[in-house]
Protein backbone atom coordinates (compact mmCIF):
# COMPACT_ATOMS: atom_id res chain seq x y z
CA UNK A 1 -12.39 -80.85 60.21
CA UNK A 2 -12.84 -83.81 57.72
CA UNK A 3 -16.13 -84.26 56.05
CA UNK A 4 -16.92 -80.63 56.71
CA UNK A 5 -18.79 -80.23 53.35
CA UNK A 6 -22.43 -80.12 54.15
CA UNK A 7 -24.78 -82.75 52.73
CA UNK A 8 -28.34 -81.85 51.81
CA UNK A 9 -31.21 -84.31 52.17
CA UNK A 10 -34.89 -83.67 52.34
CA UNK A 11 -35.49 -86.12 55.18
CA UNK A 12 -36.17 -84.53 58.47
CA UNK A 13 -35.07 -86.88 61.29
CA UNK A 14 -36.87 -85.98 64.56
CA UNK A 15 -36.94 -89.11 66.62
CA UNK A 16 -34.36 -91.89 66.61
CA UNK A 17 -35.74 -94.79 64.52
CA UNK A 18 -34.93 -97.38 67.12
CA UNK A 19 -37.47 -96.05 69.68
CA UNK A 20 -40.85 -94.38 69.32
CA UNK A 21 -41.86 -92.38 72.33
CA UNK A 22 -45.22 -93.12 73.80
CA UNK A 23 -47.63 -90.27 74.35
CA UNK A 24 -49.60 -89.79 77.52
CA UNK A 25 -53.35 -89.32 77.12
CA UNK A 26 -54.20 -85.63 76.91
CA UNK A 27 -56.17 -84.03 79.79
CA UNK A 28 -59.62 -82.91 78.56
CA UNK A 29 -60.05 -79.09 78.36
CA UNK A 30 -62.41 -77.97 81.12
CA UNK A 31 -65.75 -76.96 79.69
CA UNK A 32 -67.59 -74.15 81.35
CA UNK A 33 -70.98 -73.06 79.91
CA UNK A 34 -72.21 -69.56 79.87
CA UNK A 35 -75.99 -69.15 80.33
CA UNK A 36 -77.90 -67.58 77.47
CA UNK A 37 -78.89 -63.99 78.06
CA UNK A 38 -82.66 -63.45 78.57
CA UNK A 39 -84.94 -60.49 79.21
CA UNK A 40 -83.18 -57.29 80.15
CA UNK A 41 -79.75 -58.90 79.60
CA UNK A 42 -80.61 -59.76 76.07
CA UNK A 43 -82.11 -56.29 75.33
CA UNK A 44 -79.10 -54.62 76.80
CA UNK A 45 -76.62 -56.69 74.62
CA UNK A 46 -78.66 -56.09 71.51
CA UNK A 47 -78.65 -52.25 72.04
CA UNK A 48 -75.00 -52.17 73.01
CA UNK A 49 -74.01 -54.28 70.00
CA UNK A 50 -75.86 -51.94 67.70
CA UNK A 51 -74.00 -48.85 69.18
CA UNK A 52 -70.67 -50.65 68.75
CA UNK A 53 -71.43 -51.64 65.07
CA UNK A 54 -72.40 -48.08 64.30
CA UNK A 55 -69.48 -46.57 66.28
CA UNK A 56 -71.93 -44.58 68.48
CA UNK A 57 -69.53 -44.53 71.35
CA UNK A 58 -71.17 -41.54 73.07
CA UNK A 59 -74.38 -43.61 73.44
CA UNK A 60 -72.44 -46.38 75.24
CA UNK A 61 -71.38 -43.99 78.12
CA UNK A 62 -74.78 -44.12 79.90
CA UNK A 63 -74.93 -47.97 79.51
CA UNK A 64 -71.57 -48.63 81.04
CA UNK A 65 -72.66 -48.54 84.68
CA UNK A 66 -75.02 -51.49 83.81
CA UNK A 67 -72.30 -53.42 81.81
CA UNK A 68 -71.82 -56.41 83.95
CA UNK A 69 -69.11 -59.03 83.21
CA UNK A 70 -71.96 -61.45 82.10
CA UNK A 71 -73.25 -58.90 79.59
CA UNK A 72 -69.73 -57.95 78.38
CA UNK A 73 -68.81 -61.61 77.78
CA UNK A 74 -71.85 -62.06 75.64
CA UNK A 75 -71.28 -58.75 73.80
CA UNK A 76 -67.82 -59.83 72.91
CA UNK A 77 -69.02 -63.29 71.80
CA UNK A 78 -71.47 -61.70 69.42
CA UNK A 79 -68.51 -59.74 67.87
CA UNK A 80 -66.20 -62.71 67.49
CA UNK A 81 -66.32 -62.63 63.74
CA UNK A 82 -65.15 -59.08 63.68
CA UNK A 83 -61.88 -58.74 65.52
CA UNK A 84 -61.55 -55.07 64.56
CA UNK A 85 -64.80 -54.17 66.30
CA UNK A 86 -63.93 -56.37 69.26
CA UNK A 87 -60.63 -54.66 69.69
CA UNK A 88 -62.18 -51.16 69.29
CA UNK A 89 -64.77 -51.89 71.93
CA UNK A 90 -62.17 -53.30 74.39
CA UNK A 91 -59.83 -50.33 73.88
CA UNK A 92 -62.66 -47.86 74.33
CA UNK A 93 -63.73 -49.59 77.60
CA UNK A 94 -60.15 -49.77 78.87
CA UNK A 95 -59.76 -46.01 78.21
CA UNK A 96 -63.13 -44.83 79.63
CA UNK A 97 -64.44 -47.60 81.83
CA UNK A 98 -61.53 -49.81 82.69
CA UNK A 99 -63.31 -51.47 85.64
CA UNK A 100 -65.75 -53.18 83.35
CA UNK A 101 -63.07 -55.59 81.92
CA UNK A 102 -62.17 -58.71 83.88
CA UNK A 103 -59.60 -61.46 83.14
CA UNK A 104 -62.32 -63.60 81.61
CA UNK A 105 -63.57 -60.82 79.29
CA UNK A 106 -59.96 -60.07 78.20
CA UNK A 107 -59.44 -63.78 77.53
CA UNK A 108 -62.39 -63.77 75.16
CA UNK A 109 -60.80 -60.80 73.33
CA UNK A 110 -57.58 -62.68 73.09
CA UNK A 111 -59.26 -65.73 71.71
CA UNK A 112 -60.97 -63.63 69.09
CA UNK A 113 -57.68 -62.05 68.02
CA UNK A 114 -55.97 -65.42 67.98
CA UNK A 115 -58.51 -66.87 65.57
CA UNK A 116 -57.78 -63.90 63.27
CA UNK A 117 -54.00 -64.27 63.77
CA UNK A 118 -53.44 -60.78 65.20
CA UNK A 119 -50.34 -61.88 67.05
CA UNK A 120 -48.68 -58.50 67.45
CA UNK A 121 -51.83 -56.99 68.93
CA UNK A 122 -52.18 -60.09 71.22
CA UNK A 123 -48.61 -59.62 72.44
CA UNK A 124 -49.22 -56.00 73.28
CA UNK A 125 -52.40 -56.86 75.22
CA UNK A 126 -50.72 -59.84 76.96
CA UNK A 127 -47.85 -57.64 78.12
CA UNK A 128 -50.30 -55.20 79.71
CA UNK A 129 -52.35 -57.98 81.35
CA UNK A 130 -49.31 -59.68 82.76
CA UNK A 131 -48.22 -56.47 84.42
CA UNK A 132 -51.22 -56.75 86.75
CA UNK A 133 -52.24 -60.40 86.74
CA UNK A 134 -50.21 -63.61 87.61
CA UNK A 135 -49.42 -65.53 84.46
CA UNK A 136 -50.94 -68.73 85.96
CA UNK A 137 -54.33 -67.01 86.50
CA UNK A 138 -54.25 -65.79 82.87
CA UNK A 139 -53.33 -69.20 81.36
CA UNK A 140 -56.20 -70.95 83.32
CA UNK A 141 -58.59 -68.18 82.24
CA UNK A 142 -57.73 -68.71 78.70
CA UNK A 143 -58.01 -72.50 79.07
CA UNK A 144 -61.49 -72.36 80.61
CA UNK A 145 -62.78 -69.87 77.94
CA UNK A 146 -61.19 -71.84 75.07
CA UNK A 147 -64.16 -74.07 74.19
CA UNK A 148 -66.60 -71.17 74.64
CA UNK A 149 -64.86 -69.22 71.95
CA UNK A 150 -64.00 -72.22 69.70
CA UNK A 151 -60.54 -70.74 69.86
CA UNK A 152 -57.14 -71.47 68.29
CA UNK A 153 -54.29 -73.16 70.17
CA UNK A 154 -52.16 -70.25 68.95
CA UNK A 155 -53.50 -68.16 71.80
CA UNK A 156 -51.41 -70.27 74.21
CA UNK A 157 -48.46 -70.15 71.88
CA UNK A 158 -48.71 -66.34 71.89
CA UNK A 159 -48.78 -66.39 75.72
CA UNK A 160 -45.69 -68.60 75.88
CA UNK A 161 -43.86 -66.29 73.41
CA UNK A 162 -44.78 -63.21 75.38
CA UNK A 163 -43.57 -64.76 78.59
CA UNK A 164 -40.27 -65.74 76.89
CA UNK A 165 -39.85 -62.13 75.59
CA UNK A 166 -40.35 -60.73 79.13
CA UNK A 167 -37.91 -63.31 80.63
CA UNK A 168 -40.71 -64.96 82.75
CA UNK A 169 -39.09 -68.39 82.23
CA UNK A 170 -40.74 -70.19 85.13
CA UNK A 171 -44.17 -68.94 83.99
CA UNK A 172 -43.32 -69.91 80.39
CA UNK A 173 -42.41 -73.36 81.46
CA UNK A 174 -45.71 -73.76 83.42
CA UNK A 175 -47.60 -72.58 80.31
CA UNK A 176 -45.77 -75.03 78.15
CA UNK A 177 -46.61 -77.78 80.59
CA UNK A 178 -50.31 -76.77 80.60
CA UNK A 179 -50.30 -76.80 76.75
CA UNK A 180 -48.62 -80.21 76.65
CA UNK A 181 -51.14 -81.70 79.08
CA UNK A 182 -54.04 -80.65 76.85
CA UNK A 183 -52.49 -81.62 73.55
CA UNK A 184 -51.38 -78.14 72.30
CA UNK A 185 -48.05 -77.78 70.57
CA UNK A 186 -45.74 -74.82 70.43
CA UNK A 187 -44.69 -73.18 67.05
CA UNK A 188 -41.02 -73.18 66.25
CA UNK A 189 -41.14 -69.34 66.31
CA UNK A 190 -42.15 -69.36 69.92
CA UNK A 191 -39.57 -71.88 70.82
CA UNK A 192 -36.99 -69.67 69.16
CA UNK A 193 -38.16 -66.71 71.18
CA UNK A 194 -37.59 -68.77 74.31
CA UNK A 195 -34.20 -69.92 73.23
CA UNK A 196 -33.17 -66.31 72.31
CA UNK A 197 -34.20 -64.97 75.73
CA UNK A 198 -32.22 -67.70 77.49
CA UNK A 199 -29.09 -67.02 75.43
CA UNK A 200 -29.44 -63.24 76.05
CA UNK A 201 -29.22 -64.05 79.76
CA UNK A 202 -26.36 -66.50 79.04
CA UNK A 203 -28.32 -69.49 80.17
CA UNK A 204 -26.97 -71.80 77.52
CA UNK A 205 -27.40 -74.90 79.60
CA UNK A 206 -31.13 -74.37 79.98
CA UNK A 207 -31.35 -73.42 76.21
CA UNK A 208 -29.84 -76.87 75.27
CA UNK A 209 -32.21 -78.66 77.61
CA UNK A 210 -35.17 -76.86 76.11
CA UNK A 211 -33.98 -77.75 72.60
CA UNK A 212 -33.91 -81.43 73.54
CA UNK A 213 -37.52 -81.02 74.82
CA UNK A 214 -38.46 -79.44 71.51
CA UNK A 215 -37.24 -82.51 69.66
CA UNK A 216 -39.07 -84.87 72.02
CA UNK A 217 -42.30 -82.84 71.41
CA UNK A 218 -42.02 -83.16 67.63
CA UNK A 219 -41.33 -79.40 67.06
CA UNK A 220 -39.29 -79.28 63.87
CA UNK A 221 -36.36 -76.83 64.32
CA UNK A 222 -35.56 -74.27 61.62
CA UNK A 223 -32.17 -72.73 60.69
CA UNK A 224 -32.62 -70.06 63.38
CA UNK A 225 -33.24 -72.68 66.01
CA UNK A 226 -30.04 -74.50 65.13
CA UNK A 227 -28.03 -71.33 64.97
CA UNK A 228 -28.98 -70.71 68.58
CA UNK A 229 -28.17 -74.24 69.50
CA UNK A 230 -24.68 -73.84 67.91
CA UNK A 231 -24.28 -70.56 69.79
CA UNK A 232 -25.31 -72.24 73.11
CA UNK A 233 -22.64 -74.94 72.62
CA UNK A 234 -20.10 -72.25 71.79
CA UNK A 235 -21.02 -70.22 74.92
CA UNK A 236 -20.31 -73.38 77.00
CA UNK A 237 -16.93 -73.78 75.21
CA UNK A 238 -18.28 -76.90 73.30
CA UNK A 239 -17.44 -75.64 69.89
CA UNK A 240 -16.96 -79.14 68.46
CA UNK A 241 -20.46 -80.02 69.48
CA UNK A 242 -21.67 -76.84 67.79
CA UNK A 243 -19.79 -77.89 64.74
CA UNK A 244 -21.57 -81.29 64.81
CA UNK A 245 -24.92 -79.48 64.80
CA UNK A 246 -23.67 -77.47 61.90
CA UNK A 247 -22.80 -80.58 59.97
CA UNK A 248 -26.21 -82.18 60.65
CA UNK A 249 -28.08 -79.21 59.08
CA UNK A 250 -27.96 -80.74 55.59
CA UNK A 251 -29.35 -84.00 56.98
CA UNK A 252 -32.18 -82.17 58.40
CA UNK A 253 -33.09 -80.48 55.21
CA UNK A 254 -31.74 -77.08 56.28
CA UNK A 255 -29.05 -74.81 54.70
CA UNK A 256 -26.79 -72.91 57.00
CA UNK A 257 -26.84 -69.19 56.58
CA UNK A 258 -24.27 -66.48 57.24
CA UNK A 259 -25.16 -66.49 61.04
CA UNK A 260 -24.45 -70.27 61.25
CA UNK A 261 -20.93 -69.73 59.87
CA UNK A 262 -20.30 -66.52 61.90
CA UNK A 263 -21.45 -68.22 65.18
CA UNK A 264 -18.97 -71.10 64.56
CA UNK A 265 -16.13 -68.69 63.59
CA UNK A 266 -16.76 -66.68 66.77
CA UNK A 267 -16.65 -69.92 68.86
CA UNK A 268 -13.35 -71.01 67.44
CA UNK A 269 -11.83 -67.50 67.78
CA UNK A 270 -12.86 -67.39 71.44
CA UNK A 271 -10.96 -70.61 72.00
CA UNK A 272 -7.92 -69.34 70.06
CA UNK A 273 -8.40 -71.91 67.35
CA UNK A 274 -7.87 -69.52 64.44
CA UNK A 275 -6.91 -72.21 61.90
CA UNK A 276 -10.33 -73.87 62.34
CA UNK A 277 -12.01 -70.50 62.24
CA UNK A 278 -10.38 -69.71 58.90
CA UNK A 279 -11.36 -73.14 57.62
CA UNK A 280 -15.02 -72.53 58.45
CA UNK A 281 -14.79 -69.20 56.65
CA UNK A 282 -13.36 -70.92 53.54
CA UNK A 283 -16.44 -73.08 53.47
CA UNK A 284 -18.79 -70.20 53.18
CA UNK A 285 -18.10 -69.85 49.44
CA UNK A 286 -18.41 -73.61 48.91
CA UNK A 287 -21.89 -73.43 50.32
CA UNK A 288 -23.02 -70.28 48.48
CA UNK A 289 -22.84 -68.02 51.55
CA UNK A 290 -21.13 -64.63 51.24
CA UNK A 291 -18.92 -63.50 54.13
CA UNK A 292 -20.23 -60.24 55.57
CA UNK A 293 -18.81 -57.45 57.76
CA UNK A 294 -19.62 -59.51 60.97
CA UNK A 295 -17.49 -62.47 59.59
CA UNK A 296 -14.46 -60.27 59.10
CA UNK A 297 -15.00 -58.28 62.28
CA UNK A 298 -15.17 -61.53 64.28
CA UNK A 299 -11.80 -62.71 62.91
CA UNK A 300 -10.17 -59.31 63.36
CA UNK A 301 -11.35 -59.17 66.93
CA UNK A 302 -10.13 -62.66 67.68
CA UNK A 303 -6.69 -61.85 66.36
CA UNK A 304 -6.48 -58.46 68.11
CA UNK A 305 -7.48 -60.08 71.44
CA UNK A 306 -4.44 -62.42 71.06
CA UNK A 307 -2.31 -59.41 70.02
CA UNK A 308 -1.80 -60.93 66.60
CA UNK A 309 -1.92 -57.64 64.83
CA UNK A 310 -0.24 -58.85 61.69
CA UNK A 311 -2.97 -61.56 61.06
CA UNK A 312 -5.65 -59.03 61.98
CA UNK A 313 -4.33 -56.63 59.35
CA UNK A 314 -4.29 -59.40 56.78
CA UNK A 315 -7.87 -60.20 57.35
CA UNK A 316 -8.57 -56.42 57.17
CA UNK A 317 -6.95 -56.29 53.71
CA UNK A 318 -8.81 -59.43 52.61
CA UNK A 319 -12.08 -57.74 53.68
CA UNK A 320 -11.41 -54.76 51.41
CA UNK A 321 -10.44 -57.08 48.45
CA UNK A 322 -13.83 -58.86 48.97
CA UNK A 323 -15.56 -55.50 48.63
CA UNK A 324 -17.01 -55.69 52.16
CA UNK A 325 -16.94 -52.11 53.58
CA UNK A 326 -15.34 -51.86 57.03
CA UNK A 327 -17.60 -50.16 59.55
CA UNK A 328 -16.96 -48.34 62.85
CA UNK A 329 -16.66 -51.69 64.72
CA UNK A 330 -13.94 -52.95 62.29
CA UNK A 331 -11.85 -49.75 62.70
CA UNK A 332 -12.44 -49.55 66.56
CA UNK A 333 -11.34 -53.22 66.90
CA UNK A 334 -8.11 -52.65 65.05
CA UNK A 335 -7.49 -49.32 66.89
CA UNK A 336 -8.01 -51.02 70.20
CA UNK A 337 -5.59 -53.82 69.20
CA UNK A 338 -2.88 -51.38 68.24
CA UNK A 339 -3.71 -49.31 71.38
CA UNK A 340 -3.11 -52.29 73.65
CA UNK A 341 0.41 -52.83 72.29
CA UNK A 342 1.15 -49.08 72.22
CA UNK A 343 1.62 -48.88 68.51
CA UNK A 344 0.29 -45.38 68.05
CA UNK A 345 1.78 -45.02 64.56
CA UNK A 346 -0.31 -47.88 63.12
CA UNK A 347 -3.28 -46.64 65.14
CA UNK A 348 -2.86 -43.23 63.52
CA UNK A 349 -2.84 -44.70 60.03
CA UNK A 350 -6.10 -46.75 60.75
CA UNK A 351 -7.71 -43.59 62.04
CA UNK A 352 -6.72 -41.61 58.95
CA UNK A 353 -8.15 -44.34 56.73
CA UNK A 354 -11.31 -44.31 58.77
CA UNK A 355 -11.70 -40.56 58.25
CA UNK A 356 -11.05 -40.85 54.51
CA UNK A 357 -13.78 -43.44 54.15
CA UNK A 358 -16.28 -41.23 55.92
CA UNK A 359 -16.79 -43.49 58.94
CA UNK A 360 -17.70 -41.42 61.96
CA UNK A 361 -15.58 -41.90 65.03
CA UNK A 362 -17.23 -42.50 68.35
CA UNK A 363 -15.97 -42.48 71.92
CA UNK A 364 -14.56 -45.99 71.53
CA UNK A 365 -12.48 -44.71 68.64
CA UNK A 366 -10.97 -41.93 70.67
CA UNK A 367 -10.40 -44.22 73.74
CA UNK A 368 -8.44 -46.60 71.58
CA UNK A 369 -6.35 -43.82 70.05
CA UNK A 370 -5.76 -42.20 73.50
CA UNK A 371 -4.74 -45.57 75.01
CA UNK A 372 -2.29 -46.21 72.19
CA UNK A 373 -0.66 -42.76 72.55
CA UNK A 374 -0.47 -42.99 76.29
CA UNK A 375 1.14 -46.46 76.15
CA UNK A 376 3.55 -45.05 73.61
CA UNK A 377 4.47 -42.25 76.04
CA UNK A 378 2.83 -39.52 73.92
CA UNK A 379 0.57 -38.15 76.70
CA UNK A 380 0.47 -34.56 75.35
CA UNK A 381 -0.85 -35.76 72.01
CA UNK A 382 -3.37 -38.01 73.88
CA UNK A 383 -4.64 -34.89 75.75
CA UNK A 384 -5.13 -33.21 72.47
CA UNK A 385 -7.65 -36.00 71.48
CA UNK A 386 -9.31 -35.55 74.79
CA UNK A 387 -9.85 -31.86 73.99
CA UNK A 388 -11.27 -32.89 70.58
CA UNK A 389 -14.00 -34.90 72.22
CA UNK A 390 -15.97 -31.72 73.11
CA UNK A 391 -15.93 -30.57 69.44
CA UNK A 392 -17.36 -33.93 68.47
CA UNK A 393 -20.13 -33.78 71.19
CA UNK A 394 -18.55 -36.84 72.81
CA UNK A 395 -18.34 -37.33 76.56
CA UNK A 396 -15.31 -38.96 78.16
CA UNK A 397 -16.12 -42.30 79.90
CA UNK A 398 -14.41 -44.59 82.32
CA UNK A 399 -12.16 -45.98 79.54
CA UNK A 400 -10.98 -42.45 78.50
CA UNK A 401 -9.90 -41.65 82.07
CA UNK A 402 -8.40 -45.12 82.49
CA UNK A 403 -6.23 -44.66 79.37
CA UNK A 404 -4.97 -41.31 80.62
CA UNK A 405 -4.22 -42.81 84.10
CA UNK A 406 -2.29 -45.58 82.33
CA UNK A 407 -0.13 -43.13 80.48
CA UNK A 408 0.79 -41.24 83.69
CA UNK A 409 1.42 -44.53 85.54
CA UNK A 410 3.80 -45.73 82.86
CA UNK A 411 5.72 -42.42 83.28
CA UNK A 412 5.71 -43.04 87.11
CA UNK A 413 3.85 -39.83 87.55
CA UNK A 414 1.60 -41.04 90.34
CA UNK A 415 0.51 -37.63 91.48
CA UNK A 416 -0.76 -36.62 87.97
CA UNK A 417 -2.44 -40.04 87.65
CA UNK A 418 -4.16 -39.49 91.03
CA UNK A 419 -5.49 -36.10 89.90
CA UNK A 420 -6.98 -37.67 86.81
CA UNK A 421 -8.45 -40.36 88.97
CA UNK A 422 -10.12 -37.70 91.11
CA UNK A 423 -11.48 -36.05 87.90
CA UNK A 424 -12.82 -39.41 86.83
CA UNK A 425 -14.73 -39.90 90.10
CA UNK A 426 -16.11 -36.30 90.02
CA UNK A 427 -17.35 -37.00 86.46
CA UNK A 428 -19.40 -39.90 87.67
CA UNK A 429 -17.26 -42.57 86.01
CA UNK A 430 -16.49 -45.75 88.03
CA UNK A 431 -12.87 -47.04 88.05
CA UNK A 432 -12.40 -50.69 87.67
CA UNK A 433 -9.97 -52.99 89.52
CA UNK A 434 -7.31 -52.56 86.83
CA UNK A 435 -7.36 -48.77 87.22
CA UNK A 436 -7.03 -49.02 91.01
CA UNK A 437 -4.19 -51.57 90.71
CA UNK A 438 -2.30 -49.32 88.27
CA UNK A 439 -2.51 -46.38 90.71
CA UNK A 440 -1.42 -48.44 93.78
CA UNK A 441 1.55 -49.86 91.85
CA UNK A 442 2.51 -46.43 90.60
CA UNK A 443 2.43 -44.94 94.11
CA UNK A 444 4.61 -47.89 95.33
CA UNK A 445 7.15 -47.43 92.62
CA UNK A 446 7.48 -43.80 93.73
CA UNK A 447 7.60 -44.97 97.42
CA UNK A 448 4.49 -42.86 98.17
CA UNK A 449 2.85 -45.47 100.34
CA UNK A 450 0.49 -43.11 102.00
CA UNK A 451 -0.98 -42.39 98.49
CA UNK A 452 -1.08 -46.11 97.70
CA UNK A 453 -3.03 -46.74 101.01
CA UNK A 454 -5.45 -43.96 100.14
CA UNK A 455 -6.20 -45.56 96.75
CA UNK A 456 -6.59 -48.97 98.48
CA UNK A 457 -9.09 -47.57 100.85
CA UNK A 458 -11.05 -46.11 97.98
CA UNK A 459 -10.93 -49.49 96.24
CA UNK A 460 -12.14 -51.31 99.38
CA UNK A 461 -14.94 -48.75 99.67
CA UNK A 462 -16.25 -49.96 96.34
CA UNK A 463 -16.04 -53.58 97.57
CA UNK A 464 -13.14 -54.34 95.20
CA UNK A 465 -9.90 -55.93 96.14
CA UNK A 466 -6.55 -55.80 94.42
CA UNK A 467 -4.83 -58.92 93.03
CA UNK A 468 -2.34 -60.77 95.20
CA UNK A 469 0.77 -59.35 93.44
CA UNK A 470 -0.42 -55.70 93.76
CA UNK A 471 -1.22 -56.09 97.44
CA UNK A 472 2.11 -57.89 98.12
CA UNK A 473 3.94 -54.91 96.47
CA UNK A 474 2.17 -52.49 98.77
CA UNK A 475 2.65 -54.60 101.93
CA UNK A 476 6.38 -55.14 101.26
CA UNK A 477 6.74 -51.35 100.84
CA UNK A 478 4.90 -50.56 104.01
CA UNK A 479 7.02 -53.00 105.95
CA UNK A 480 10.24 -51.68 104.53
CA UNK A 481 9.20 -48.24 105.75
CA UNK A 482 8.48 -49.61 109.27
CA UNK A 483 4.70 -49.33 108.86
CA UNK A 484 4.03 -52.94 109.82
CA UNK A 485 1.20 -52.04 112.16
CA UNK A 486 -0.62 -50.16 109.36
CA UNK A 487 -0.07 -53.17 107.04
CA UNK A 488 -1.50 -55.47 109.73
CA UNK A 489 -4.47 -53.28 110.28
CA UNK A 490 -5.27 -53.13 106.56
CA UNK A 491 -4.85 -56.89 106.45
CA UNK A 492 -7.29 -57.41 109.33
CA UNK A 493 -9.79 -55.03 107.78
CA UNK A 494 -9.70 -56.80 104.37
CA UNK A 495 -10.08 -60.15 106.12
CA UNK A 496 -13.01 -58.93 108.12
CA UNK A 497 -14.70 -57.61 104.88
CA UNK A 498 -13.75 -60.85 103.01
CA UNK A 499 -11.88 -58.86 100.46
CA UNK A 500 -8.46 -60.42 100.93
CA UNK A 501 -7.34 -61.87 97.50
CA UNK A 502 -6.67 -65.59 97.07
CA UNK A 503 -2.97 -66.46 97.09
CA UNK A 504 -2.06 -63.62 99.40
CA UNK A 505 0.35 -64.94 102.08
CA UNK A 506 0.50 -62.31 104.79
CA UNK A 507 2.61 -64.48 107.11
CA UNK A 508 5.35 -64.72 104.51
CA UNK A 509 5.44 -60.92 104.11
CA UNK A 510 5.75 -60.21 107.85
CA UNK A 511 8.30 -62.99 108.43
CA UNK A 512 10.42 -61.31 105.75
CA UNK A 513 10.42 -58.04 107.79
CA UNK A 514 10.56 -59.18 111.44
CA UNK A 515 12.78 -56.41 112.72
CA UNK A 516 10.48 -53.77 111.32
CA UNK A 517 7.49 -55.31 113.02
CA UNK A 518 9.01 -55.30 116.56
CA UNK A 519 10.37 -51.74 116.10
CA UNK A 520 7.00 -50.32 115.21
């Protein structure tokens, strides 16, 4: 963490000074001419243009059967200097005579809008076009009509950005390749859209590869770009590399913002490096950045996940001293932390403070409270909170039922836990592996192995398998009761469905109970 103080220089270093990359010659843009309209075509276009300029849309209706793609192209070209009229005409045609538009005529409209920088409208139109046309066809149509419209390269940038937003990464890459071949560059905003979409799908490796391509293509990153690069490294567990990018911001003429710090803090917390996370937080003030609610929530969540509730509460108090108002995420994180360790008393105090501060509780709030009470053996009080959900117009979810099942399993009340499980399924909530394993274990502790087998079959029906220790507990119980054949049949069934957990040694179990196996 030495030399962590950021340096600020105005120089933007893009390419290493020891080597200057050579550019390939650009491929010429294909030039297609459009014959000039003559005779009836020219008369038609003149009349139609006059109707459009005067907004005489009713007079256009009888002309539309004779509006060929050739005539529409020229009509749109005559309106290039008025993007509002071009858009009105296209929208009117799409509503009343949609068959008149082709990919080529829509491309001319997009070029017109690009020259007037109407990017939001372009993105809306592109999204609709891409729903019915292959991206490659559209990009080639735009390329061929580009010289005709004396267009702006930003039309391709808009296409790339739209493909990124819709997660069409392969098509976006092909569009980028086409742009590069013809000498067009991406804007940093479009590159950021691509990076953001990749990170949303947790493709941090591809995001970092694309960032390196950005640098090779002379696209200057901004602070949002570098924040995503830091995040990508953190997602891959490479927090130190993320920190190195963070340190280089000043050398690149950029100042980190609160997201830069929060991303690093989150990365360190996820690796359990809380000392480094706190050091990064201490740097915020040195760099003129105010810690916000996300900063404190990230630290509190990190400590709670490690069950370091004392440290989490210390950060919570520091948050209030800094006049940063806790939100529902703050309180829910603390409540969940106390719930996991069964400290219902502290959970109750946090909940009371939450109510005093006017922060509305949601289903996560109640789930955390119910879990804490159930783990503390206070199942009746937990049931009271469940009844309160209806008054708050909140619907119990899988976590609510799982918390209640936890409480009954801890009391070894497997029958009651099973009834709650049945209610859970009837309510349309899906139990997870942990819920099933708790139920199986509870039935085994009560030596109700038929019940445990029933839960196991339900679990297998959902293509889930218990962990090795839970399955061993059940199989040892079945063998002790002389139900070796049932245990063998279940084992064969799980092997056949490839649901047998790793580390489960069936031979060891059956060797341990040989007399039971022969007597059955």
